Protein backbone atom coordinates (compact mmCIF):
# COMPACT_ATOMS: atom_id res chain seq x y z
CA MET A 1 -158.43 9.88 -34.04
CA ARG A 2 -161.27 12.20 -35.12
CA LEU A 3 -161.42 10.48 -38.53
CA PHE A 4 -161.70 7.10 -36.83
CA VAL A 5 -164.57 8.26 -34.59
CA VAL A 6 -166.39 9.89 -37.54
CA ALA A 7 -166.00 6.74 -39.65
CA MET A 8 -167.39 4.58 -36.86
CA SER A 9 -170.32 6.94 -36.28
CA VAL A 10 -171.27 6.95 -39.97
CA ALA A 11 -170.98 3.17 -40.16
CA LEU A 12 -173.23 2.70 -37.14
CA LEU A 13 -175.89 5.03 -38.56
CA LEU A 14 -176.15 3.31 -41.93
CA PRO A 15 -178.47 0.47 -40.90
CA SER A 16 -180.84 2.82 -39.08
CA LEU A 17 -181.09 5.03 -42.18
CA GLY A 18 -181.58 2.15 -44.56
CA HIS A 19 -182.59 -1.28 -43.36
CA ARG A 20 -183.70 -1.79 -39.75
CA VAL A 21 -183.56 -5.12 -37.96
CA PRO A 22 -187.16 -5.94 -36.96
CA LEU A 23 -187.65 -5.90 -33.19
CA THR A 24 -189.54 -9.19 -33.37
CA TRP A 25 -186.46 -10.86 -34.86
CA ALA A 26 -184.28 -9.43 -32.13
CA GLN A 27 -186.55 -10.90 -29.50
CA ALA A 28 -187.71 -14.12 -31.12
CA GLY A 29 -184.68 -15.15 -33.21
CA PRO A 30 -184.27 -15.17 -36.99
CA PRO A 31 -187.26 -16.13 -39.13
CA PRO A 32 -187.29 -19.52 -40.87
CA GLY A 33 -184.84 -19.63 -43.76
CA GLU A 34 -182.47 -17.07 -42.28
CA PRO A 35 -178.82 -18.20 -41.97
CA LYS A 36 -177.59 -19.42 -38.60
CA ARG A 37 -175.18 -16.67 -37.67
CA PRO A 38 -172.51 -16.95 -34.98
CA ALA A 39 -173.21 -15.09 -31.75
CA TYR A 40 -171.36 -11.82 -31.35
CA GLN A 41 -168.51 -12.42 -28.92
CA ILE A 42 -169.13 -9.24 -26.96
CA GLY A 43 -167.63 -8.62 -23.56
CA SER A 44 -164.49 -10.60 -22.80
CA ALA A 45 -165.01 -13.42 -25.29
CA GLY A 46 -162.88 -12.09 -28.17
CA ARG A 47 -164.32 -10.96 -31.51
CA PHE A 48 -161.65 -12.99 -33.32
CA ASN A 49 -163.47 -16.16 -32.24
CA GLU A 50 -166.45 -15.43 -34.53
CA ASP A 51 -166.67 -17.63 -37.64
CA TRP A 52 -168.71 -15.99 -40.42
CA SER A 53 -167.93 -18.60 -43.06
CA VAL A 54 -171.47 -19.92 -42.43
CA LEU A 55 -172.62 -17.15 -44.80
CA ARG A 56 -170.73 -18.67 -47.75
CA GLY A 57 -173.16 -19.15 -50.64
CA VAL A 58 -175.98 -17.19 -48.98
CA ASP A 59 -177.66 -14.40 -50.98
CA LEU A 60 -176.82 -11.61 -48.53
CA ASP A 61 -179.02 -9.09 -50.33
CA LYS A 62 -182.08 -11.02 -49.19
CA THR A 63 -181.31 -11.58 -45.51
CA ASP A 64 -182.93 -9.49 -42.79
CA ASP A 65 -179.71 -8.11 -41.30
CA PHE A 66 -178.01 -5.17 -43.00
CA TRP A 67 -174.60 -6.12 -41.59
CA ASP A 68 -174.61 -9.55 -43.31
CA ARG A 69 -173.30 -7.73 -46.37
CA VAL A 70 -169.93 -7.05 -44.69
CA LYS A 71 -169.67 -10.28 -42.73
CA PHE A 72 -168.70 -12.44 -45.68
CA ILE A 73 -167.18 -10.49 -48.57
CA PRO A 74 -165.81 -13.00 -51.14
CA LEU A 75 -162.54 -11.92 -52.75
CA SER A 76 -162.07 -14.90 -55.08
CA PRO A 77 -164.42 -16.70 -57.52
CA ASP A 78 -164.49 -19.86 -55.38
CA GLN A 79 -165.16 -17.79 -52.21
CA ASN A 80 -162.19 -19.39 -50.44
CA VAL A 81 -160.71 -15.95 -49.87
CA TRP A 82 -163.02 -13.66 -47.91
CA LEU A 83 -163.10 -10.62 -45.66
CA THR A 84 -165.18 -9.89 -42.56
CA ILE A 85 -165.69 -6.36 -41.25
CA GLY A 86 -167.11 -5.59 -37.82
CA GLY A 87 -167.02 -3.12 -34.99
CA GLN A 88 -168.49 -1.85 -31.78
CA ALA A 89 -169.36 1.49 -30.19
CA ARG A 90 -169.95 1.87 -26.45
CA GLU A 91 -171.01 4.93 -24.48
CA ARG A 92 -171.08 4.67 -20.69
CA GLY A 93 -171.81 7.27 -18.06
CA GLU A 94 -170.41 6.76 -14.56
CA TYR A 95 -170.86 8.57 -11.26
CA PHE A 96 -168.93 7.96 -8.05
CA ARG A 97 -169.89 9.37 -4.68
CA GLN A 98 -167.05 9.39 -2.12
CA PHE A 99 -164.60 7.71 -4.48
CA LEU A 100 -161.97 5.64 -2.63
CA PHE A 101 -163.87 6.19 0.63
CA GLY A 102 -163.50 9.97 0.37
CA ASN A 103 -159.72 9.73 -0.07
CA SER A 104 -159.76 11.22 -3.57
CA GLU A 105 -158.33 14.55 -4.72
CA PRO A 106 -159.21 16.97 -6.21
CA LYS A 107 -162.81 15.67 -6.00
CA GLN A 108 -164.50 13.01 -3.92
CA SER A 109 -167.60 12.75 -6.16
CA ASP A 110 -167.83 13.11 -9.92
CA GLY A 111 -169.75 12.07 -13.04
CA TYR A 112 -168.18 11.56 -16.45
CA LEU A 113 -168.65 9.92 -19.87
CA LEU A 114 -166.55 7.07 -21.28
CA SER A 115 -166.55 6.34 -25.02
CA ARG A 116 -165.00 3.38 -26.78
CA TYR A 117 -164.96 2.47 -30.47
CA ARG A 118 -163.61 -0.61 -32.26
CA LEU A 119 -163.24 -1.49 -35.92
CA ILE A 120 -162.40 -5.00 -37.17
CA ALA A 121 -161.03 -6.47 -40.40
CA ASP A 122 -160.67 -10.27 -40.62
CA LEU A 123 -159.09 -11.63 -43.83
CA HIS A 124 -159.17 -15.38 -44.56
CA VAL A 125 -157.06 -16.87 -47.36
CA THR A 126 -158.53 -20.39 -47.49
CA ARG A 127 -158.95 -22.10 -44.12
CA TYR A 128 -155.19 -22.25 -43.61
CA PHE A 129 -154.18 -18.58 -43.36
CA ARG A 130 -155.78 -15.59 -41.70
CA MET A 131 -154.97 -11.99 -40.74
CA PHE A 132 -157.01 -10.23 -38.04
CA ALA A 133 -156.82 -6.54 -37.11
CA GLU A 134 -158.87 -4.63 -34.54
CA GLY A 135 -158.40 -0.92 -33.95
CA LYS A 136 -159.68 0.92 -30.91
CA SER A 137 -160.26 4.44 -29.65
CA SER A 138 -160.96 5.02 -25.95
CA LEU A 139 -161.92 8.45 -24.65
CA ALA A 140 -162.99 10.01 -21.34
CA LEU A 141 -164.93 13.27 -20.95
CA ASP A 142 -164.89 15.36 -17.75
CA ARG A 143 -163.33 12.77 -15.44
CA ASP A 144 -161.90 14.77 -12.51
CA LEU A 145 -161.41 11.99 -9.96
CA VAL A 146 -157.92 11.02 -8.78
CA GLY A 147 -155.77 10.17 -11.79
CA GLY A 148 -158.08 12.03 -14.16
CA ARG A 149 -157.80 10.73 -17.71
CA THR A 150 -155.42 7.86 -16.89
CA THR A 151 -154.40 5.08 -19.27
CA ALA A 152 -157.20 2.94 -17.83
CA PHE A 153 -159.63 5.35 -19.51
CA VAL A 154 -157.84 6.97 -22.46
CA ASP A 155 -156.00 5.50 -25.45
CA GLU A 156 -156.94 7.78 -28.31
CA LEU A 157 -156.11 5.55 -31.30
CA ASP A 158 -154.31 2.25 -31.32
CA LEU A 159 -154.30 -1.44 -32.20
CA LEU A 160 -155.99 -3.87 -29.82
CA ASN A 161 -155.40 -6.98 -31.95
CA GLY A 162 -153.17 -7.44 -34.97
CA PHE A 163 -152.05 -10.99 -35.66
CA ALA A 164 -151.68 -13.66 -38.33
CA ASP A 165 -152.77 -17.31 -38.06
CA VAL A 166 -151.40 -20.31 -39.92
CA MET A 167 -153.49 -23.46 -39.45
CA ILE A 168 -151.78 -26.84 -39.92
CA PRO A 169 -154.12 -29.86 -40.08
CA LEU A 170 -152.93 -32.98 -38.28
CA GLY A 171 -155.50 -35.49 -39.49
CA GLN A 172 -159.29 -35.48 -39.25
CA GLN A 173 -159.58 -34.64 -35.55
CA ALA A 174 -156.51 -32.55 -34.81
CA SER A 175 -154.83 -29.33 -35.87
CA VAL A 176 -152.45 -26.66 -34.64
CA THR A 177 -152.78 -22.93 -35.34
CA LEU A 178 -149.65 -20.80 -35.10
CA ARG A 179 -150.47 -17.23 -34.07
CA GLY A 180 -148.10 -14.27 -33.96
CA GLY A 181 -148.59 -10.58 -33.28
CA ARG A 182 -150.63 -8.39 -30.93
CA GLN A 183 -153.45 -10.29 -29.24
CA GLU A 184 -155.81 -10.41 -26.29
CA LEU A 185 -155.24 -13.41 -24.01
CA ILE A 186 -158.45 -15.08 -22.83
CA PHE A 187 -158.03 -18.17 -20.67
CA GLY A 188 -160.62 -20.15 -18.73
CA SER A 189 -162.62 -18.29 -16.10
CA GLN A 190 -160.46 -15.17 -16.68
CA ARG A 191 -159.85 -14.90 -12.94
CA LEU A 192 -156.14 -14.78 -13.76
CA VAL A 193 -155.92 -13.99 -17.49
CA GLY A 194 -158.45 -11.90 -19.42
CA PRO A 195 -158.64 -8.59 -21.31
CA GLY A 196 -160.77 -6.80 -18.71
CA ASP A 197 -163.43 -5.66 -21.14
CA PHE A 198 -165.42 -3.53 -18.66
CA THR A 199 -162.55 -1.07 -18.39
CA ASN A 200 -162.34 1.50 -21.15
CA VAL A 201 -158.90 0.32 -22.31
CA PRO A 202 -158.70 -3.49 -22.50
CA ARG A 203 -155.42 -5.30 -21.91
CA THR A 204 -153.38 -6.77 -24.77
CA PHE A 205 -150.03 -8.51 -25.40
CA GLU A 206 -147.52 -9.07 -28.18
CA GLY A 207 -145.96 -12.44 -28.90
CA GLY A 208 -146.75 -15.88 -30.22
CA ALA A 209 -148.97 -18.85 -29.44
CA ALA A 210 -149.61 -22.34 -30.79
CA ILE A 211 -153.28 -23.35 -30.44
CA GLY A 212 -153.55 -27.14 -30.62
CA GLN A 213 -156.87 -28.97 -31.04
CA ILE A 214 -157.13 -32.69 -30.30
CA ALA A 215 -159.91 -34.95 -28.93
CA GLY A 216 -162.02 -31.98 -27.85
CA TRP A 217 -159.12 -30.37 -25.99
CA THR A 218 -157.46 -27.04 -26.75
CA ILE A 219 -153.81 -26.78 -25.64
CA THR A 220 -152.14 -23.36 -25.97
CA PRO A 221 -148.46 -22.75 -25.24
CA PHE A 222 -147.67 -19.02 -25.52
CA TRP A 223 -144.96 -16.42 -24.99
CA THR A 224 -145.78 -12.71 -24.81
CA GLN A 225 -144.81 -9.28 -23.56
CA ALA A 226 -147.34 -6.87 -22.05
CA VAL A 227 -148.33 -3.86 -24.15
CA VAL A 228 -147.88 -0.55 -22.32
CA ILE A 229 -150.51 2.11 -22.98
CA ASP A 230 -149.40 5.49 -24.31
CA LYS A 231 -152.49 7.70 -24.54
CA TYR A 232 -151.34 9.72 -27.54
CA ARG A 233 -148.78 7.53 -29.34
CA PHE A 234 -148.73 4.00 -30.73
CA ASN A 235 -148.48 1.48 -27.89
CA LYS A 236 -145.42 -0.75 -27.61
CA SER A 237 -144.72 -3.95 -25.73
CA THR A 238 -142.05 -4.07 -23.04
CA SER A 239 -139.50 -6.70 -22.08
CA ASP A 240 -139.95 -5.51 -18.48
CA GLN A 241 -143.15 -7.63 -18.31
CA GLU A 242 -142.88 -11.07 -19.89
CA PHE A 243 -145.74 -13.54 -19.61
CA PHE A 244 -145.67 -17.10 -20.93
CA GLY A 245 -146.87 -20.62 -20.19
CA VAL A 246 -149.31 -23.32 -21.28
CA PHE A 247 -153.10 -23.36 -20.91
CA ALA A 248 -155.17 -26.49 -21.64
CA THR A 249 -158.95 -26.90 -21.55
CA GLY A 250 -161.34 -29.67 -22.52
CA PRO A 251 -163.86 -32.28 -21.35
CA LEU A 252 -163.00 -34.93 -18.80
CA HIS A 253 -164.44 -37.72 -20.95
CA PHE A 254 -165.19 -40.19 -18.13
CA LEU A 255 -167.15 -37.55 -16.13
CA PRO A 256 -169.61 -34.87 -17.34
CA VAL A 257 -167.30 -31.98 -16.41
CA ASN A 258 -164.85 -29.63 -18.09
CA LEU A 259 -161.30 -29.21 -16.90
CA ASP A 260 -158.73 -26.41 -17.21
CA LEU A 261 -155.06 -26.99 -16.43
CA TYR A 262 -152.42 -24.28 -16.60
CA TRP A 263 -148.85 -23.24 -15.96
CA LEU A 264 -148.39 -19.48 -16.15
CA ASP A 265 -145.04 -17.74 -15.74
CA ALA A 266 -144.51 -14.03 -15.01
CA ASN A 267 -141.07 -12.42 -15.36
CA ASN A 268 -141.29 -8.79 -14.24
CA ARG A 269 -138.28 -6.49 -14.06
CA PHE A 270 -139.58 -4.81 -10.92
CA ALA A 271 -142.20 -5.83 -8.38
CA ALA A 272 -143.08 -4.80 -4.82
CA PHE A 273 -145.00 -6.90 -2.29
CA ASN A 274 -145.32 -5.78 1.33
CA GLY A 275 -141.82 -4.35 1.57
CA THR A 276 -140.06 -6.90 -0.65
CA THR A 277 -138.87 -5.48 -3.97
CA GLY A 278 -136.86 -6.61 -6.98
CA ARG A 279 -137.19 -8.71 -10.13
CA GLU A 280 -140.12 -11.13 -9.95
CA HIS A 281 -139.93 -14.66 -11.35
CA ARG A 282 -143.30 -16.20 -10.46
CA HIS A 283 -144.67 -19.57 -11.55
CA THR A 284 -148.40 -20.33 -11.25
CA LEU A 285 -149.68 -23.91 -11.40
CA GLY A 286 -153.43 -24.34 -11.27
CA GLY A 287 -156.62 -25.94 -12.50
CA ARG A 288 -160.36 -25.53 -12.66
CA VAL A 289 -163.22 -28.01 -12.89
CA LEU A 290 -166.84 -27.10 -13.62
CA GLY A 291 -170.04 -28.84 -14.58
CA LYS A 292 -173.61 -29.71 -13.68
CA ILE A 293 -174.77 -32.26 -11.13
CA GLY A 294 -177.08 -34.53 -13.09
CA ALA A 295 -180.61 -33.18 -13.57
CA THR A 296 -180.75 -31.56 -10.13
CA GLY A 297 -180.42 -27.99 -11.42
CA LEU A 298 -177.17 -27.65 -9.47
CA ASP A 299 -173.92 -26.48 -11.07
CA PHE A 300 -170.48 -26.12 -9.55
CA GLU A 301 -167.04 -24.66 -10.17
CA VAL A 302 -163.78 -25.13 -8.29
CA GLU A 303 -160.51 -23.37 -9.15
CA GLY A 304 -157.22 -23.30 -7.34
CA ALA A 305 -153.64 -22.24 -8.01
CA ALA A 306 -150.27 -22.30 -6.23
CA GLN A 307 -147.42 -19.87 -6.86
CA PHE A 308 -143.70 -20.19 -6.25
CA GLY A 309 -140.54 -18.42 -7.39
CA THR A 310 -138.65 -15.31 -6.23
CA VAL A 311 -139.04 -11.55 -5.75
CA GLY A 312 -135.60 -10.00 -5.31
CA ARG A 313 -133.95 -12.17 -2.65
CA GLY A 314 -137.24 -13.40 -1.21
CA ASP A 315 -138.93 -16.70 -2.03
CA ILE A 316 -142.60 -16.89 -3.08
CA ALA A 317 -145.15 -19.23 -1.52
CA ALA A 318 -148.71 -18.10 -2.38
CA SER A 319 -152.06 -19.58 -3.38
CA MET A 320 -155.68 -18.91 -4.33
CA PHE A 321 -158.86 -20.95 -4.13
CA THR A 322 -162.42 -20.42 -5.40
CA THR A 323 -165.51 -22.57 -5.14
CA VAL A 324 -168.99 -21.84 -6.52
CA LEU A 325 -172.26 -23.72 -6.10
CA GLY A 326 -175.25 -22.59 -8.16
CA TYR A 327 -178.86 -23.68 -8.46
CA SER A 328 -181.21 -22.95 -11.37
CA LEU A 329 -184.75 -22.99 -10.00
CA PRO A 330 -187.37 -24.83 -12.09
CA VAL A 331 -189.33 -21.67 -12.99
CA ALA A 332 -189.04 -21.44 -16.76
CA ARG A 333 -190.69 -18.02 -17.08
CA LEU A 334 -188.12 -16.27 -14.83
CA SER A 335 -185.00 -18.47 -15.35
CA PRO A 336 -183.87 -17.77 -11.77
CA ARG A 337 -180.42 -18.84 -10.60
CA VAL A 338 -178.93 -18.46 -7.14
CA TYR A 339 -175.33 -19.10 -6.15
CA VAL A 340 -172.96 -19.03 -3.23
CA GLU A 341 -169.23 -18.53 -3.66
CA PHE A 342 -166.08 -18.46 -1.57
CA ASP A 343 -162.88 -16.71 -2.72
CA TYR A 344 -159.48 -16.84 -1.04
CA ALA A 345 -156.12 -15.40 -2.09
CA SER A 346 -153.16 -15.49 0.26
CA GLY A 347 -151.42 -12.54 1.87
CA ASP A 348 -147.99 -11.93 3.37
CA ASP A 349 -147.18 -12.84 6.99
CA ARG A 350 -144.68 -10.03 7.61
CA PRO A 351 -143.16 -7.06 5.76
CA GLY A 352 -139.96 -7.76 3.86
CA GLY A 353 -138.27 -11.11 3.23
CA ASP A 354 -140.22 -13.97 1.67
CA VAL A 355 -143.46 -13.21 -0.20
CA GLY A 356 -146.83 -14.78 0.61
CA THR A 357 -148.99 -12.34 -1.36
CA PHE A 358 -150.77 -13.97 -4.30
CA ASN A 359 -150.21 -12.23 -7.65
CA GLN A 360 -153.52 -12.07 -9.53
CA LEU A 361 -151.59 -11.65 -12.84
CA PHE A 362 -153.82 -10.14 -15.58
CA PRO A 363 -157.42 -10.77 -14.52
CA ASN A 364 -160.84 -9.81 -15.78
CA ALA A 365 -161.43 -8.61 -12.22
CA HIS A 366 -164.79 -6.89 -12.74
CA SER A 367 -166.77 -10.13 -12.85
CA PHE A 368 -165.72 -11.61 -9.52
CA LEU A 369 -165.08 -9.31 -6.53
CA GLY A 370 -167.58 -6.50 -6.92
CA TYR A 371 -168.56 -4.25 -9.80
CA MET A 372 -166.96 -1.18 -8.18
CA ASP A 373 -163.59 -2.75 -9.02
CA TYR A 374 -162.10 -1.72 -5.70
CA ILE A 375 -160.87 -5.15 -4.59
CA GLY A 376 -158.26 -7.40 -6.21
CA ARG A 377 -157.56 -11.11 -5.77
CA GLN A 378 -154.68 -10.58 -3.34
CA ASN A 379 -154.74 -11.00 0.46
CA VAL A 380 -158.49 -11.42 0.49
CA ILE A 381 -161.17 -13.73 1.87
CA SER A 382 -164.59 -13.13 0.33
CA PRO A 383 -167.73 -15.18 0.84
CA ASN A 384 -170.40 -13.90 -1.54
CA ALA A 385 -173.78 -14.82 -2.98
CA GLY A 386 -176.20 -13.66 -5.65
CA ILE A 387 -179.36 -14.20 -7.64
CA SER A 388 -180.33 -13.47 -11.25
CA ILE A 389 -183.73 -13.54 -12.96
CA SER A 390 -185.24 -12.76 -16.37
CA PRO A 391 -188.67 -11.22 -15.69
CA ILE A 392 -189.22 -10.57 -19.41
CA LYS A 393 -187.50 -11.85 -22.53
CA ASP A 394 -184.07 -10.31 -23.18
CA LEU A 395 -183.94 -8.65 -19.74
CA THR A 396 -181.72 -10.02 -16.97
CA LEU A 397 -181.59 -8.57 -13.45
CA SER A 398 -179.06 -9.59 -10.82
CA LEU A 399 -178.18 -8.90 -7.20
CA GLN A 400 -174.82 -9.76 -5.61
CA GLN A 401 -173.53 -9.39 -2.06
CA TYR A 402 -169.84 -9.56 -1.09
CA TRP A 403 -168.04 -9.49 2.26
CA PHE A 404 -164.29 -8.86 2.53
CA TRP A 405 -161.60 -9.81 5.05
CA ARG A 406 -157.83 -9.64 4.81
CA ALA A 407 -156.34 -13.13 4.61
CA SER A 408 -153.31 -11.87 6.55
CA ASP A 409 -153.54 -9.01 9.05
CA ARG A 410 -149.91 -8.09 8.26
CA ASP A 411 -150.58 -7.31 4.59
CA ALA A 412 -152.37 -4.57 2.65
CA VAL A 413 -155.73 -4.40 0.89
CA TYR A 414 -155.10 -4.49 -2.87
CA ASN A 415 -157.14 -3.08 -5.74
CA LYS A 416 -158.08 -4.65 -9.09
CA SER A 417 -154.79 -3.43 -10.65
CA SER A 418 -152.68 -5.05 -7.88
CA GLY A 419 -151.91 -1.66 -6.36
CA VAL A 420 -152.21 -0.98 -2.63
CA LEU A 421 -155.71 0.28 -1.83
CA ARG A 422 -154.94 0.65 1.90
CA ALA A 423 -151.54 -0.14 3.46
CA ALA A 424 -151.30 -2.63 6.31
CA GLY A 425 -149.80 -0.32 8.92
CA THR A 426 -150.09 -1.50 12.54
CA ASN A 427 -153.82 -2.22 12.57
CA ARG A 428 -154.63 -5.93 13.00
CA ASP A 429 -158.32 -5.86 12.07
CA ARG A 430 -159.15 -8.18 9.17
CA TYR A 431 -162.68 -7.19 8.13
CA PHE A 432 -162.56 -4.22 5.78
CA GLY A 433 -165.94 -3.99 4.13
CA ALA A 434 -168.85 -5.30 2.08
CA GLU A 435 -170.31 -4.47 -1.31
CA THR A 436 -173.82 -4.74 -2.75
CA ASP A 437 -174.30 -4.76 -6.53
CA VAL A 438 -177.54 -4.40 -8.49
CA TYR A 439 -177.29 -4.88 -12.25
CA GLY A 440 -179.61 -5.05 -15.25
CA ILE A 441 -178.97 -5.77 -18.92
CA TYR A 442 -181.42 -5.62 -21.83
CA ASN A 443 -180.89 -6.76 -25.42
CA PHE A 444 -182.89 -4.37 -27.60
CA THR A 445 -181.78 -6.16 -30.79
CA ARG A 446 -179.05 -8.62 -31.65
CA HIS A 447 -176.84 -5.55 -32.20
CA LEU A 448 -177.89 -3.14 -29.45
CA LEU A 449 -177.81 -3.75 -25.72
CA GLY A 450 -178.04 -1.52 -22.70
CA TYR A 451 -177.02 -2.08 -19.12
CA THR A 452 -177.16 -0.16 -15.89
CA GLY A 453 -176.16 -0.79 -12.32
CA TYR A 454 -175.64 0.53 -8.83
CA SER A 455 -173.04 -0.52 -6.24
CA HIS A 456 -172.56 0.48 -2.61
CA PHE A 457 -169.43 -0.24 -0.56
CA PHE A 458 -169.81 -0.41 3.23
CA THR A 459 -166.48 0.25 4.95
CA GLY A 460 -165.41 -2.11 7.75
CA GLU A 461 -163.19 -1.91 10.82
CA PHE A 462 -159.80 -1.98 9.07
CA LEU A 463 -160.68 0.89 6.73
CA ASN A 464 -162.42 2.81 9.49
CA LYS A 465 -159.29 2.79 11.66
CA THR A 466 -156.62 3.43 9.03
CA GLY A 467 -157.76 6.52 7.11
CA LYS A 468 -160.76 8.09 5.43
CA HIS A 469 -163.64 5.67 5.50
CA LYS A 470 -166.81 7.06 3.97
CA ASP A 471 -169.09 4.58 2.21
CA SER A 472 -168.87 4.75 -1.60
CA ASP A 473 -171.61 4.70 -4.25
CA PHE A 474 -171.17 3.86 -7.92
CA TYR A 475 -173.82 4.45 -10.62
CA TYR A 476 -173.41 3.61 -14.29
CA ALA A 477 -175.43 3.16 -17.49
CA ALA A 478 -174.30 2.18 -20.98
CA LEU A 479 -175.44 1.60 -24.55
CA GLN A 480 -173.40 -0.73 -26.75
CA TYR A 481 -173.82 -1.36 -30.47
CA THR A 482 -172.03 -4.32 -32.07
CA PHE A 483 -171.88 -5.36 -35.71
């Protein structure tokens, strides 16, 4: 692990010691004559989706970016075999005051440092075969809140992605890519399936997928097992958590909108929902539509899903629904956008027996129900709204406000990991709190970005009457370097 961290640190220092990226390029784009590089797929977009073959034939010794030299390394005279190397380092400090509403032992308030490093090797053998590997090291320093250095924060050295692709052309406009190995799953809005990049240890799976491309649509049948984190040993997948299905996305050609359609199937050896326990066979059928409304500046998104199946001897009948309406104001200098959103995920009507609690599956939860990551998409009703602006180039500021009610007053409040945040008990109050988020992100260069934020959670009646209920504060700041 130490060797991996040292290697990453040396690699990240090389461009600053030798060839710096000019700040004016970072802010104004590449000068004329520079190659058109793919955007770094930072966050939850997947680094394996970057295509650096655009650098084929370019004299990389004369470009203005030091890292171009490792983005397209030809390994054959005709340059049809090439290697791409990349990576990322992220340092983030966090501070919680009254963590979990003061219900945290041994400390209620604490500050700590999270470090995460990634290193990528992407080998292409013609356009038909590819091997992609991405190692990771996730560390936590001085975290003394409940759970301490849990597997959400620490995975000292392991493999995030390690798969092979075989691409089979099916004519001029169609192809299928067969993928097998360890891989992040990134589908649609990521409300139900995403790696969860904000957390220090992203989620990954092992299995196979077939990625079909036809008429602008991407259709992906897949079968996987969840990878279980072991902080100090190589992670392994488990047959106790199987996840498979089909995800399709593409344009609805007769209307200016995009459409997602999906069937997702979870087969878990053990599950517990509001007193019902046992093996879970859960099917999720859903869809999402999004687009812009002419030249009005309005945009919209609607997503919904229904779930059925069994948990132990109980039947499942659950659902979720989300709708978003946004408006980009015609103020070019600030690029302001406002939105209103409504989120619903069903809860259970009574303990034991049949299950009405929605299973949020494997979400990128951080983006949708508050940056504190307290609340999951289960037994929740949340109207929310926000605004974002860019007062100067490369700086974006945002403000979000969320309100939370239980969808069923007989079910618990759940957290982002589907665990019980506060049990239902006998209290029938539905309103359990609100959260305010302030966030800012600045791109210093095309490689370096920084972000910082503050969140405050206001406890509501249900929390106030069922246990400790102090308001929580969350502060964080990060620097992230990507190459």
